[in-house]
Protein backbone atom coordinates (compact mmCIF):
# COMPACT_ATOMS: atom_id res chain seq x y z
CA MET A 1 0.00 0.00 0.00
CA VAL A 2 1.25 3.47 -0.84
CA MET A 3 0.25 6.35 1.43
CA ALA A 4 -0.08 9.90 0.15
CA PHE A 5 0.45 13.02 2.23
CA SER A 6 -0.48 16.56 1.27
CA VAL A 7 1.59 19.11 3.20
CA GLN A 8 0.32 22.68 3.39
CA THR A 9 2.97 25.12 4.58
CA ALA A 10 2.39 28.32 6.53
CA GLY A 11 2.86 30.26 3.29
CA GLY A 12 0.12 28.29 1.53
CA GLN A 13 2.42 26.12 -0.60
CA VAL A 14 1.17 22.54 -1.02
CA LEU A 15 3.65 19.67 -1.30
CA SER A 16 2.88 16.01 -1.98
CA ILE A 17 4.67 12.99 -0.51
CA GLU A 18 4.11 9.34 -1.34
CA MET A 19 5.47 6.62 0.91
CA ALA A 20 5.49 2.83 0.50
CA ALA A 21 6.05 0.11 3.10
CA GLY A 22 9.40 0.55 4.83
CA ASP A 23 9.66 4.27 3.99
CA GLU A 24 10.12 7.01 6.52
CA THR A 25 10.27 10.78 6.20
CA VAL A 26 11.70 13.14 8.82
CA ILE A 27 10.20 16.63 8.71
CA GLY A 28 11.69 19.75 10.25
CA ARG A 29 13.74 22.90 9.60
CA ASP A 30 17.21 21.35 9.20
CA SER A 31 17.95 20.60 5.55
CA GLU A 32 20.87 18.34 6.48
CA GLN A 33 18.95 16.15 8.96
CA CYS A 34 15.48 16.12 7.40
CA ASP A 35 14.01 14.48 4.32
CA LEU A 36 11.49 17.33 4.05
CA CYS A 37 12.76 20.74 5.14
CA LEU A 38 10.08 23.36 5.85
CA LEU A 39 11.09 26.93 6.61
CA ASP A 40 8.66 27.45 9.47
CA PRO A 41 10.18 29.03 12.61
CA SER A 42 7.64 27.19 14.81
CA LEU A 43 9.10 23.82 13.74
CA SER A 44 12.00 22.16 15.49
CA TYR A 45 15.11 21.23 13.50
CA ARG A 46 13.89 17.59 13.51
CA HIS A 47 10.20 17.87 14.32
CA CYS A 48 8.49 14.58 13.45
CA ARG A 49 8.81 11.36 11.49
CA LEU A 50 6.23 9.71 9.21
CA SER A 51 6.71 5.93 8.80
CA VAL A 52 4.98 3.13 6.91
CA ILE A 53 5.63 -0.15 8.75
CA GLY A 54 3.90 -3.41 7.94
CA GLY A 55 0.96 -1.74 6.22
CA LEU A 56 0.45 0.76 9.07
CA THR A 57 1.28 4.45 8.92
CA TRP A 58 2.68 6.24 11.96
CA VAL A 59 3.62 9.74 13.07
CA GLU A 60 6.20 10.19 15.80
CA ASP A 61 7.14 13.45 17.49
CA LEU A 62 10.92 13.82 17.74
CA ASP A 63 10.95 15.75 21.04
CA SER A 64 9.86 18.92 19.26
CA ARG A 65 9.44 22.14 21.20
CA ASN A 66 5.90 22.94 19.97
CA GLY A 67 4.56 19.40 19.63
CA THR A 68 2.89 17.25 17.00
CA PHE A 69 -0.91 17.14 16.87
CA LEU A 70 -3.19 14.52 15.32
CA ASN A 71 -6.72 15.77 14.68
CA GLY A 72 -6.21 18.43 17.36
CA GLU A 73 -4.73 16.15 20.06
CA ARG A 74 -1.07 16.34 21.02
CA VAL A 75 0.69 13.01 20.38
CA VAL A 76 4.09 11.46 20.96
CA GLN A 77 3.44 8.59 18.56
CA ALA A 78 0.19 7.69 16.81
CA LEU A 79 -1.25 5.45 14.15
CA LEU A 80 -2.54 7.40 11.12
CA ASP A 81 -5.57 6.71 8.96
CA THR A 82 -6.91 8.16 5.74
CA GLY A 83 -8.55 11.52 6.45
CA ASP A 84 -6.40 12.34 9.48
CA VAL A 85 -4.70 15.73 9.76
CA VAL A 86 -1.33 16.15 11.45
CA ALA A 87 -0.43 19.67 12.59
CA ILE A 88 3.20 20.68 13.15
CA GLY A 89 3.90 24.34 13.75
CA SER A 90 1.94 26.31 11.17
CA CYS A 91 1.90 23.39 8.71
CA ARG A 92 -0.86 20.84 8.12
CA ILE A 93 -0.38 17.32 6.75
CA ALA A 94 -3.43 15.56 5.30
CA VAL A 95 -3.21 11.76 5.21
CA GLY A 96 -4.55 9.81 2.23
CA ARG A 97 -3.97 6.66 0.23
CA ALA A 98 -2.22 6.92 -3.13
CA MET A 99 -4.03 5.39 -6.07
CA GLY A 100 -2.47 2.27 -7.52
CA ALA A 101 -2.45 1.35 -11.19
CA GLY A 102 -5.65 -0.72 -10.83
CA ASP A 103 -7.55 1.79 -8.71
CA VAL A 104 -10.47 3.71 -10.20
CA PRO A 105 -11.75 6.85 -8.48
CA ALA A 106 -15.24 6.32 -7.01
CA ASP A 107 -16.75 9.07 -9.18
CA LEU A 108 -15.53 7.27 -12.32
CA ALA A 109 -16.51 3.73 -11.32
């Protein structure tokens, strides 16, 4: 399964990330230590990690100063599901499932 994430930055820019089983993405302000560097002063240098492990998708706070929030609740580590929203600093990360080659959108089926 491939998970899709839509990241909206404080400046309104939207970035897309796709992750497959075994992938992880560290998000923060440090371009040398992070896979996704966001220039948001309310983020820590290494703020959080997104991981896909055994078909499950996780978010883990990396001891950030301002915290990681899942659907409005502060979390240290949490299981993610399609439709969830992760908030880090002024950025929002929407969780979805990427379409595979055989998938047909519901409105086209």
